[in-house]
């Protein structure tokens, strides 16, 4: 079946209504493409969807926004302002870090942050000034690399990448680089725990990712009022204004091919729809396992993918509580032996006696998440992905007990159990079976040296023409800002193919202006 078409208008199917898919739909619809988005769940957002438990509201996945200027730029490309669709609140403190014997508040103001460091780690404040100075240079040089595709070997010797080469900290881990600034192990952890955003250990994470803690400190961390899921809802609103169609509860069973060219999609109902191009926003490993015949996928066959490096997973608890807490919006509580905990996760080992926790108390900033006098607590525990062989049906209860005990013994929340009115738990098994996340690896393919740039699945998918990838499984990688950038890269590639004018990505100095 062919879609009705306007003469000269190119049609694009987007598989998945996550942040990457919806950002792509917004950009392409603004540029004159006829766009249809197909989402298998009954809500949009993918891993950035909203979770409702009775009167309580949560973000399923991402809970804060970095590099807000990039999101602003996406809206500006269509002559819009992000603030016409979203309300932002810059957080200060950005988060609280709870070590076994102290709690440090991470401030967005550099002078206040230096004072905080000196209070808890005397003599280390000067290292923070060096961090901001040196890492600003790294970020300025690496940022342009996030804006370009790496679909050819020649792209590895592009002027942009060659200019960035001296700044990639080759052969050094994130933890190693932070040793240039701080002596205290705990203080290094305060600037390296962000590797969990990539699902990696700071001892394994490439040193170039120092740009993640840098951009937090240099450009701030934001809450979106109503939850981060509002970003996808805003994208969808613009999409509809531009004539794009979004279909929920409409799973795709197959990407249609003519030889090695993508030519449409087949719905789970069996209906076949033809399109000029197909953009895949589904989890990469899941898409490779389900949307194509395995023949012809080469290194991306499901069996071959299982041999690649994937991120850790997460054990999630969403608690609707009948009281409020005067605890910071974001709290990270480190394991007693953080390195042992992280190394165990990296090796696929699960122990339930000493784990790190991230807790968001969104109602501290945004009362819309719960009824008056109540709280919506979001709790994330990094755990191994499903290569570990952990039986989560058996371990789920033990893990829940651990989390409640850790809240009681290690955080200001105390005993929350009597106050639970609504509860949802998501295990790595749930991530894989219910949400279509390959191996339950919630941060997608690992960002190791051998799985970045040209060595990561390409934005213009190398296995089939007219097929494009967006999301954490392609370049530039996982995390909302880079997922947004993947949407722009793939949208630009489609426009270039058809010689359709489009705005160029702004240099960092103009994006920040």
Protein backbone atom coordinates (compact mmCIF):
# COMPACT_ATOMS: atom_id res chain seq x y z
CA UNK A 1 0.00 0.00 0.00
CA UNK A 2 1.36 3.43 -0.88
CA UNK A 3 0.64 6.53 1.13
CA UNK A 4 -1.15 9.35 -0.68
CA UNK A 5 1.47 11.93 -1.59
CA UNK A 6 1.79 15.53 -2.62
CA UNK A 7 3.84 15.97 -5.76
CA UNK A 8 7.51 16.36 -4.94
CA UNK A 9 7.10 15.75 -1.21
CA UNK A 10 9.32 13.07 0.25
CA UNK A 11 7.86 10.76 2.87
CA UNK A 12 9.66 9.47 5.98
CA UNK A 13 8.62 6.77 8.43
CA UNK A 14 10.07 7.02 11.92
CA UNK A 15 10.07 3.87 14.02
CA UNK A 16 9.79 4.87 17.67
CA UNK A 17 8.56 8.04 19.39
CA UNK A 18 11.48 8.48 21.78
CA UNK A 19 13.31 11.81 22.06
CA UNK A 20 15.48 11.05 19.02
CA UNK A 21 12.57 9.98 16.85
CA UNK A 22 10.38 12.92 17.79
CA UNK A 23 13.21 15.44 17.38
CA UNK A 24 13.83 14.00 13.90
CA UNK A 25 10.13 14.18 13.08
CA UNK A 26 10.02 17.81 14.21
CA UNK A 27 13.05 18.82 12.14
CA UNK A 28 11.96 17.00 8.98
CA UNK A 29 8.35 18.17 9.19
CA UNK A 30 9.58 21.76 9.52
CA UNK A 31 11.67 21.24 6.38
CA UNK A 32 8.71 20.10 4.29
CA UNK A 33 8.84 16.30 4.58
CA UNK A 34 5.72 14.24 5.08
CA UNK A 35 6.43 12.42 8.33
CA UNK A 36 4.70 9.58 10.14
CA UNK A 37 5.90 8.29 13.52
CA UNK A 38 5.01 4.79 14.72
CA UNK A 39 5.20 4.01 18.44
CA UNK A 40 4.41 0.57 19.87
CA UNK A 41 3.64 1.80 23.39
CA UNK A 42 0.42 3.61 24.27
CA UNK A 43 2.36 6.75 25.21
CA UNK A 44 5.09 8.71 23.42
CA UNK A 45 8.56 9.25 24.82
CA UNK A 46 10.30 5.86 24.73
CA UNK A 47 12.71 5.78 27.65
CA UNK A 48 11.78 9.44 28.24
CA UNK A 49 8.08 8.71 28.67
CA UNK A 50 5.91 9.73 31.60
CA UNK A 51 4.90 7.13 34.18
CA UNK A 52 1.61 7.66 36.01
CA UNK A 53 0.82 5.76 39.19
CA UNK A 54 -2.54 6.95 40.43
CA UNK A 55 -2.12 10.66 41.19
CA UNK A 56 1.70 10.47 41.04
CA UNK A 57 3.80 11.31 37.97
CA UNK A 58 7.36 10.25 37.22
CA UNK A 59 9.85 10.31 34.36
CA UNK A 60 10.55 6.79 33.20
CA UNK A 61 14.19 7.53 32.39
CA UNK A 62 16.17 10.79 32.12
CA UNK A 63 15.52 13.18 35.00
CA UNK A 64 17.54 16.30 34.19
CA UNK A 65 18.70 18.30 31.19
CA UNK A 66 22.27 19.28 30.35
CA UNK A 67 23.34 21.44 27.40
CA UNK A 68 19.99 23.20 27.29
CA UNK A 69 21.38 25.46 24.56
CA UNK A 70 21.29 22.52 22.15
CA UNK A 71 17.58 21.94 22.79
CA UNK A 72 16.95 25.68 22.38
CA UNK A 73 18.68 25.52 19.00
CA UNK A 74 16.44 22.69 17.75
CA UNK A 75 13.35 24.78 18.44
CA UNK A 76 14.97 27.90 16.96
CA UNK A 77 15.59 26.09 13.65
CA UNK A 78 11.83 26.14 13.10
CA UNK A 79 11.43 29.75 14.19
CA UNK A 80 10.22 28.74 17.63
CA UNK A 81 11.36 29.29 21.20
CA UNK A 82 11.70 26.37 23.59
CA UNK A 83 10.23 28.54 26.35
CA UNK A 84 6.95 28.79 24.42
CA UNK A 85 6.54 25.04 24.97
CA UNK A 86 8.55 24.27 28.10
CA UNK A 87 9.33 25.83 31.46
CA UNK A 88 12.89 25.33 32.70
CA UNK A 89 14.34 25.69 36.17
CA UNK A 90 18.10 25.78 36.65
CA UNK A 91 19.04 23.75 39.71
CA UNK A 92 21.36 25.04 42.41
CA UNK A 93 22.61 22.93 44.02
CA UNK A 94 22.66 20.66 41.01
CA UNK A 95 22.75 17.62 43.29
CA UNK A 96 23.93 16.40 46.66
CA UNK A 97 26.67 13.75 46.84
CA UNK A 98 26.51 11.55 49.91
CA UNK A 99 29.76 9.78 50.80
CA UNK A 100 30.01 7.38 53.77
CA UNK A 101 31.22 10.19 56.07
CA UNK A 102 30.13 13.48 54.43
CA UNK A 103 27.65 15.11 52.07
CA UNK A 104 28.77 17.69 49.51
CA UNK A 105 26.44 19.98 47.60
CA UNK A 106 27.45 20.48 43.98
CA UNK A 107 26.87 24.14 43.15
CA UNK A 108 26.31 25.70 39.76
CA UNK A 109 28.20 28.86 40.71
CA UNK A 110 31.96 28.29 40.31
CA UNK A 111 32.96 30.34 43.36
CA UNK A 112 30.37 28.61 45.55
CA UNK A 113 31.56 25.24 44.22
CA UNK A 114 35.18 26.09 45.05
CA UNK A 115 34.14 27.01 48.61
CA UNK A 116 32.19 23.74 48.91
CA UNK A 117 35.26 21.77 47.84
CA UNK A 118 37.49 23.62 50.29
CA UNK A 119 35.04 22.95 53.13
CA UNK A 120 35.03 19.19 52.57
CA UNK A 121 38.43 18.69 50.92
CA UNK A 122 40.78 21.40 52.23
CA UNK A 123 43.44 22.50 49.76
CA UNK A 124 41.69 21.04 46.70
CA UNK A 125 39.79 24.16 45.58
CA UNK A 126 42.53 25.29 43.23
CA UNK A 127 42.12 22.05 41.29
CA UNK A 128 38.56 23.04 40.42
CA UNK A 129 39.77 26.26 38.77
CA UNK A 130 42.27 24.25 36.71
CA UNK A 131 39.50 21.79 35.82
CA UNK A 132 37.25 24.55 34.43
CA UNK A 133 40.09 26.17 32.51
CA UNK A 134 41.58 23.08 30.87
CA UNK A 135 38.31 21.29 30.27
CA UNK A 136 36.78 24.32 28.57
CA UNK A 137 39.45 23.91 25.88
CA UNK A 138 38.69 20.20 25.54
CA UNK A 139 34.97 20.87 25.27
CA UNK A 140 35.39 23.61 22.64
CA UNK A 141 37.46 21.26 20.49
CA UNK A 142 35.33 18.15 20.94
CA UNK A 143 31.89 19.77 20.63
CA UNK A 144 32.10 20.14 16.81
CA UNK A 145 32.78 16.38 16.59
CA UNK A 146 29.34 15.75 18.09
CA UNK A 147 27.71 17.67 15.24
CA UNK A 148 29.06 15.65 12.30
CA UNK A 149 28.49 12.11 10.98
CA UNK A 150 31.29 9.56 10.77
CA UNK A 151 29.98 7.27 8.05
CA UNK A 152 33.20 6.89 6.07
CA UNK A 153 36.79 6.03 6.88
CA UNK A 154 37.77 9.40 5.40
CA UNK A 155 35.70 11.13 8.11
CA UNK A 156 38.34 9.99 10.61
CA UNK A 157 40.82 12.39 9.05
CA UNK A 158 38.43 15.32 8.75
CA UNK A 159 39.81 18.72 9.84
CA UNK A 160 37.34 18.80 12.73
CA UNK A 161 38.47 15.49 14.14
CA UNK A 162 42.15 16.17 13.53
CA UNK A 163 41.82 19.45 15.44
CA UNK A 164 40.18 17.57 18.31
CA UNK A 165 42.73 14.72 18.38
CA UNK A 166 45.14 16.34 20.87
CA UNK A 167 42.26 16.73 23.31
CA UNK A 168 40.81 13.20 23.39
CA UNK A 169 43.01 11.97 26.28
CA UNK A 170 43.95 8.86 24.31
CA UNK A 171 44.66 5.84 26.49
CA UNK A 172 43.43 7.56 29.66
CA UNK A 173 40.26 6.87 31.61
CA UNK A 174 37.90 9.47 33.03
CA UNK A 175 39.23 8.67 36.51
CA UNK A 176 42.83 9.12 35.28
CA UNK A 177 42.08 12.57 33.85
CA UNK A 178 40.44 13.76 37.09
CA UNK A 179 43.68 12.82 38.86
CA UNK A 180 45.21 15.82 37.08
CA UNK A 181 43.02 18.06 39.24
CA UNK A 182 42.23 16.33 42.52
CA UNK A 183 44.12 14.14 44.99
CA UNK A 184 41.16 12.93 47.04
CA UNK A 185 39.56 9.77 45.69
CA UNK A 186 36.14 10.91 46.89
CA UNK A 187 36.53 14.23 45.10
CA UNK A 188 37.54 12.46 41.90
CA UNK A 189 34.37 10.39 42.21
CA UNK A 190 32.37 13.63 42.51
CA UNK A 191 33.55 14.48 38.99
CA UNK A 192 33.55 10.99 37.47
CA UNK A 193 30.32 9.34 38.65
CA UNK A 194 28.75 10.94 35.54
CA UNK A 195 30.16 8.00 33.58
CA UNK A 196 27.02 6.23 34.77
CA UNK A 197 25.13 8.39 32.24
CA UNK A 198 26.95 6.23 29.69
CA UNK A 199 26.48 3.06 31.73
CA UNK A 200 30.25 2.73 32.26
CA UNK A 201 32.81 2.64 35.04
CA UNK A 202 34.96 5.79 35.47
CA UNK A 203 37.98 3.47 35.44
CA UNK A 204 37.00 2.25 31.95
CA UNK A 205 35.23 5.29 30.50
CA UNK A 206 37.43 7.15 27.96
CA UNK A 207 38.96 10.31 29.37
CA UNK A 208 37.46 12.55 26.68
CA UNK A 209 34.14 12.22 28.51
CA UNK A 210 35.45 14.67 31.10
CA UNK A 211 33.34 17.02 28.99
CA UNK A 212 30.24 15.64 30.75
CA UNK A 213 31.07 16.89 34.27
CA UNK A 214 32.57 20.00 32.66
CA UNK A 215 29.36 20.96 30.87
CA UNK A 216 27.38 20.41 34.08
CA UNK A 217 29.56 22.91 35.90
CA UNK A 218 29.97 25.33 33.00
CA UNK A 219 26.42 25.39 31.65
CA UNK A 220 24.23 24.09 34.44
CA UNK A 221 21.66 21.36 35.02
CA UNK A 222 17.96 22.02 34.42
CA UNK A 223 14.67 20.57 35.53
CA UNK A 224 11.76 20.78 33.10
CA UNK A 225 8.60 21.64 34.98
CA UNK A 226 6.17 18.77 34.65
CA UNK A 227 9.06 16.35 34.11
CA UNK A 228 11.60 15.66 31.38
CA UNK A 229 8.88 13.75 29.52
CA UNK A 230 7.50 17.17 28.63
CA UNK A 231 10.32 17.57 26.10
CA UNK A 232 8.96 14.74 23.96
CA UNK A 233 5.45 16.12 24.37
CA UNK A 234 6.70 19.51 23.15
CA UNK A 235 8.38 17.92 20.13
CA UNK A 236 5.12 16.11 19.36
CA UNK A 237 3.17 19.37 19.62
CA UNK A 238 5.44 21.00 17.04
CA UNK A 239 5.24 17.90 14.84
CA UNK A 240 1.47 18.12 14.73
CA UNK A 241 1.60 21.86 14.06
CA UNK A 242 3.77 21.04 11.04
CA UNK A 243 1.45 18.30 9.77
CA UNK A 244 3.33 15.20 10.95
CA UNK A 245 1.30 12.23 12.18
CA UNK A 246 2.12 10.27 15.34
CA UNK A 247 0.59 6.83 15.80
CA UNK A 248 0.71 5.30 19.27
CA UNK A 249 -0.07 1.63 20.02
CA UNK A 250 1.14 0.90 16.48
CA UNK A 251 4.09 -1.49 16.55
CA UNK A 252 6.23 -2.10 13.49
CA UNK A 253 7.05 -5.72 12.72
CA UNK A 254 9.40 -5.20 9.78
CA UNK A 255 11.35 -2.64 7.82
CA UNK A 256 10.47 -3.30 4.19
CA UNK A 257 13.37 -3.73 1.77
CA UNK A 258 13.84 -3.81 -1.97
CA UNK A 259 17.19 -5.46 -2.23
CA UNK A 260 19.43 -3.37 0.03
CA UNK A 261 17.14 -0.33 0.04
CA UNK A 262 14.63 0.45 2.78
CA UNK A 263 11.30 1.30 1.19
CA UNK A 264 8.74 1.29 4.00
CA UNK A 265 7.44 -0.48 7.07
CA UNK A 266 5.12 -3.34 7.86
CA UNK A 267 2.79 -2.86 10.81
CA UNK A 268 2.19 -5.66 13.31
CA UNK A 269 -1.31 -5.85 11.81
CA UNK A 270 0.29 -6.93 8.53
CA UNK A 271 -0.40 -3.69 6.67
CA UNK A 272 2.48 -2.49 4.51
CA UNK A 273 3.24 1.19 4.03
CA UNK A 274 5.70 2.60 1.51
CA UNK A 275 8.00 5.51 2.34
CA UNK A 276 10.97 7.13 0.67
CA UNK A 277 13.08 6.81 3.82
CA UNK A 278 12.94 5.00 7.16
CA UNK A 279 14.43 6.35 10.39
CA UNK A 280 14.90 3.88 13.24
CA UNK A 281 14.61 5.27 16.76
CA UNK A 282 13.93 1.89 18.36
CA UNK A 283 16.66 0.54 20.65
CA UNK A 284 19.44 -0.45 18.24
CA UNK A 285 20.01 -4.02 19.41
CA UNK A 286 16.28 -4.68 19.65
CA UNK A 287 15.72 -3.26 16.15
CA UNK A 288 18.45 -5.42 14.66
CA UNK A 289 16.96 -8.49 16.39
CA UNK A 290 13.36 -7.90 15.33
CA UNK A 291 12.94 -5.55 12.36
CA UNK A 292 15.23 -7.22 9.81
CA UNK A 293 16.07 -10.71 8.61
CA UNK A 294 19.37 -11.67 10.21
CA UNK A 295 20.89 -12.44 6.82
CA UNK A 296 22.75 -9.39 5.60
CA UNK A 297 23.20 -7.72 9.00
CA UNK A 298 26.77 -8.95 9.39
CA UNK A 299 28.26 -7.65 12.64
CA UNK A 300 24.82 -6.43 13.70
CA UNK A 301 23.15 -9.83 13.81
CA UNK A 302 21.64 -10.44 17.23
CA UNK A 303 24.15 -13.20 17.97
CA UNK A 304 27.08 -10.97 16.97
CA UNK A 305 25.73 -8.01 18.92
CA UNK A 306 25.74 -10.08 22.09
CA UNK A 307 29.53 -10.24 21.79
CA UNK A 308 29.86 -6.45 21.70
CA UNK A 309 30.18 -4.21 24.73
CA UNK A 310 26.95 -2.95 26.23
CA UNK A 311 26.24 -0.66 29.14
CA UNK A 312 25.05 -1.69 32.54
CA UNK A 313 21.36 -1.82 33.38
CA UNK A 314 19.30 -0.21 36.12
CA UNK A 315 16.99 -1.38 38.87
CA UNK A 316 14.25 1.23 39.19
CA UNK A 317 11.77 2.07 41.93
CA UNK A 318 9.06 4.70 41.57
CA UNK A 319 7.39 5.47 44.90
CA UNK A 320 4.33 7.60 45.55
CA UNK A 321 4.60 8.68 49.21
CA UNK A 322 2.04 10.35 51.45
CA UNK A 323 4.43 12.94 52.87
CA UNK A 324 7.04 15.46 51.68
CA UNK A 325 10.80 15.53 52.31
CA UNK A 326 13.15 18.48 52.62
CA UNK A 327 15.86 16.66 50.66
CA UNK A 328 17.63 17.97 47.56
CA UNK A 329 16.09 17.46 44.12
CA UNK A 330 18.94 15.06 43.18
CA UNK A 331 20.83 12.93 45.69
CA UNK A 332 23.57 10.40 44.86
CA UNK A 333 24.48 8.05 47.68
CA UNK A 334 27.76 6.26 46.97
CA UNK A 335 28.43 2.67 47.94
CA UNK A 336 30.84 2.15 50.84
CA UNK A 337 33.34 0.66 48.39
CA UNK A 338 32.37 2.43 45.17
CA UNK A 339 35.11 0.93 43.02
CA UNK A 340 34.29 -2.64 44.06
CA UNK A 341 30.61 -1.99 43.39
CA UNK A 342 31.27 -0.55 39.92
CA UNK A 343 33.76 -3.26 38.96
CA UNK A 344 31.31 -5.97 40.00
CA UNK A 345 28.63 -4.42 37.78
CA UNK A 346 31.08 -4.16 34.87
CA UNK A 347 31.91 -7.86 35.26
CA UNK A 348 28.24 -8.85 35.34
CA UNK A 349 28.23 -9.66 39.04
CA UNK A 350 25.34 -8.64 41.25
CA UNK A 351 25.76 -8.21 44.98
CA UNK A 352 23.04 -6.74 47.12
CA UNK A 353 25.00 -5.60 50.15
CA UNK A 354 26.78 -2.40 49.03
CA UNK A 355 25.37 -0.45 46.10
CA UNK A 356 25.15 3.15 44.93
CA UNK A 357 21.80 4.91 44.57
CA UNK A 358 20.48 7.91 42.70
CA UNK A 359 17.30 9.46 44.13
CA UNK A 360 15.20 12.25 42.63
CA UNK A 361 12.82 14.14 44.88
CA UNK A 362 11.18 16.15 42.09
CA UNK A 363 8.48 17.64 44.30
CA UNK A 364 11.18 19.68 46.03
CA UNK A 365 11.22 21.79 42.84
CA UNK A 366 8.06 20.83 41.02
CA UNK A 367 4.92 20.07 43.08
CA UNK A 368 3.04 18.89 39.98
CA UNK A 369 4.41 15.35 40.40
CA UNK A 370 2.22 14.44 43.38
CA UNK A 371 -0.86 15.58 45.30
CA UNK A 372 -0.35 18.36 47.85
CA UNK A 373 1.61 17.08 50.85
CA UNK A 374 2.85 14.01 48.92
CA UNK A 375 6.07 13.07 47.09
CA UNK A 376 7.04 11.16 43.96
CA UNK A 377 10.39 9.49 44.61
CA UNK A 378 12.43 8.12 41.68
CA UNK A 379 15.22 5.69 42.65
CA UNK A 380 17.84 4.24 40.30
CA UNK A 381 20.42 1.57 41.17
CA UNK A 382 23.08 0.67 38.57
CA UNK A 383 23.14 -3.13 38.14
CA UNK A 384 24.53 -5.57 35.54
CA UNK A 385 22.72 -6.01 32.24
CA UNK A 386 21.11 -9.32 31.34
CA UNK A 387 24.33 -11.02 30.30
CA UNK A 388 24.81 -11.51 34.06
CA UNK A 389 22.28 -14.32 34.25
CA UNK A 390 20.70 -12.82 37.39
CA UNK A 391 17.21 -14.22 37.95
CA UNK A 392 15.33 -11.00 38.62
CA UNK A 393 12.13 -12.81 39.45
CA UNK A 394 13.97 -14.25 42.44
CA UNK A 395 16.11 -11.20 43.29
CA UNK A 396 13.47 -8.49 42.88
CA UNK A 397 12.19 -8.76 46.45
CA UNK A 398 15.68 -8.87 47.95
CA UNK A 399 16.68 -5.83 45.93
CA UNK A 400 13.58 -3.93 47.05
CA UNK A 401 14.42 -4.71 50.68
CA UNK A 402 17.97 -3.46 50.13
CA UNK A 403 16.79 -0.16 48.66
CA UNK A 404 14.35 0.51 51.49
CA UNK A 405 17.02 -0.38 54.06
CA UNK A 406 19.59 1.87 52.33
CA UNK A 407 17.11 4.76 52.28
CA UNK A 408 16.55 4.25 56.00
CA UNK A 409 20.20 3.89 57.00
CA UNK A 410 22.09 6.08 54.49
CA UNK A 411 19.84 8.99 53.53
CA UNK A 412 17.72 11.71 55.17
CA UNK A 413 14.57 9.96 53.92
CA UNK A 414 14.57 7.45 56.76
CA UNK A 415 11.92 4.75 56.76
CA UNK A 416 9.68 5.41 53.75
CA UNK A 417 7.94 2.02 53.81
CA UNK A 418 4.94 3.17 55.93
CA UNK A 419 4.36 6.06 53.53
CA UNK A 420 4.22 4.13 50.23
CA UNK A 421 0.87 4.60 48.48
CA UNK A 422 1.92 3.68 44.92
CA UNK A 423 4.88 1.64 43.73
CA UNK A 424 6.43 0.43 40.48
CA UNK A 425 9.62 -1.60 40.10
CA UNK A 426 11.44 -2.09 36.79
CA UNK A 427 14.21 -4.69 36.63
CA UNK A 428 16.73 -5.34 33.83
CA UNK A 429 14.46 -8.18 32.72
CA UNK A 430 11.57 -5.72 32.45
CA UNK A 431 13.69 -3.30 30.44
CA UNK A 432 14.32 -6.05 27.90
CA UNK A 433 10.94 -7.78 27.77
CA UNK A 434 8.52 -4.89 28.33
CA UNK A 435 10.43 -1.94 26.89
CA UNK A 436 12.43 -3.56 24.09
CA UNK A 437 15.89 -2.70 25.45
CA UNK A 438 18.47 -5.16 24.12
CA UNK A 439 20.05 -7.09 27.02
CA UNK A 440 18.33 -4.63 29.36
CA UNK A 441 21.32 -2.31 28.73
CA UNK A 442 19.52 0.94 29.48
CA UNK A 443 22.38 3.17 28.22
CA UNK A 444 22.76 1.18 24.97
CA UNK A 445 26.10 0.14 23.43
CA UNK A 446 29.10 1.00 25.60
CA UNK A 447 31.11 4.08 24.66
CA UNK A 448 34.47 2.32 24.53
CA UNK A 449 37.19 3.45 22.12
CA UNK A 450 36.28 0.65 19.70
CA UNK A 451 32.59 1.60 19.63
CA UNK A 452 32.69 5.33 18.88
CA UNK A 453 32.63 7.55 15.77
CA UNK A 454 33.10 5.43 12.62
CA UNK A 455 33.14 2.25 14.74
CA UNK A 456 29.62 2.91 16.09
CA UNK A 457 26.55 2.12 13.95
CA UNK A 458 26.34 4.98 11.44
CA UNK A 459 23.66 7.66 11.35
CA UNK A 460 23.13 6.73 7.71
CA UNK A 461 22.87 3.01 8.37
CA UNK A 462 25.60 1.24 6.49
CA UNK A 463 23.66 -1.98 5.87
CA UNK A 464 20.74 -0.51 3.91
CA UNK A 465 20.30 2.66 1.88
CA UNK A 466 17.45 5.05 2.68
CA UNK A 467 17.69 3.86 6.30
CA UNK A 468 18.86 6.12 9.12
CA UNK A 469 19.49 5.72 12.84
CA UNK A 470 18.82 8.09 15.72
CA UNK A 471 19.16 7.51 19.45
CA UNK A 472 21.78 6.25 21.86
CA UNK A 473 22.88 3.35 19.67
CA UNK A 474 24.37 5.54 16.96
CA UNK A 475 26.76 8.52 16.89
CA UNK A 476 27.23 10.64 19.04
CA UNK A 477 25.89 8.25 21.73
CA UNK A 478 23.53 8.01 24.69
CA UNK A 479 22.25 10.87 26.83
CA UNK A 480 19.58 13.40 25.86
CA UNK A 481 21.87 16.08 24.33
CA UNK A 482 23.70 13.61 22.11
CA UNK A 483 20.45 11.88 21.16
CA UNK A 484 19.08 15.27 20.07
CA UNK A 485 22.25 15.78 18.04
CA UNK A 486 21.85 12.36 16.39
CA UNK A 487 18.41 13.52 15.26
CA UNK A 488 19.87 16.62 13.67
CA UNK A 489 22.71 14.71 12.00
CA UNK A 490 20.36 12.14 10.44
CA UNK A 491 17.84 14.83 9.43
CA UNK A 492 20.61 16.79 7.73
CA UNK A 493 21.84 13.70 5.89
CA UNK A 494 18.35 13.08 4.51
CA UNK A 495 18.08 16.72 3.42
CA UNK A 496 21.49 16.63 1.77
CA UNK A 497 20.50 13.57 -0.22
CA UNK A 498 17.50 15.40 -1.68
CA UNK A 499 19.31 18.75 -1.90
CA UNK A 500 16.83 20.34 0.49
CA UNK A 501 18.17 23.43 2.27
CA UNK A 502 18.52 23.20 6.03
CA UNK A 503 20.17 25.24 8.80
CA UNK A 504 23.73 24.37 9.70
CA UNK A 505 24.47 23.46 13.30
CA UNK A 506 25.76 26.52 15.13
CA UNK A 507 29.32 26.71 16.44
CA UNK A 508 29.48 26.50 20.22
CA UNK A 509 30.11 30.23 20.67
CA UNK A 510 26.93 31.11 18.76
CA UNK A 511 24.88 28.38 20.44
CA UNK A 512 25.80 29.85 23.83
CA UNK A 513 25.23 33.46 22.77
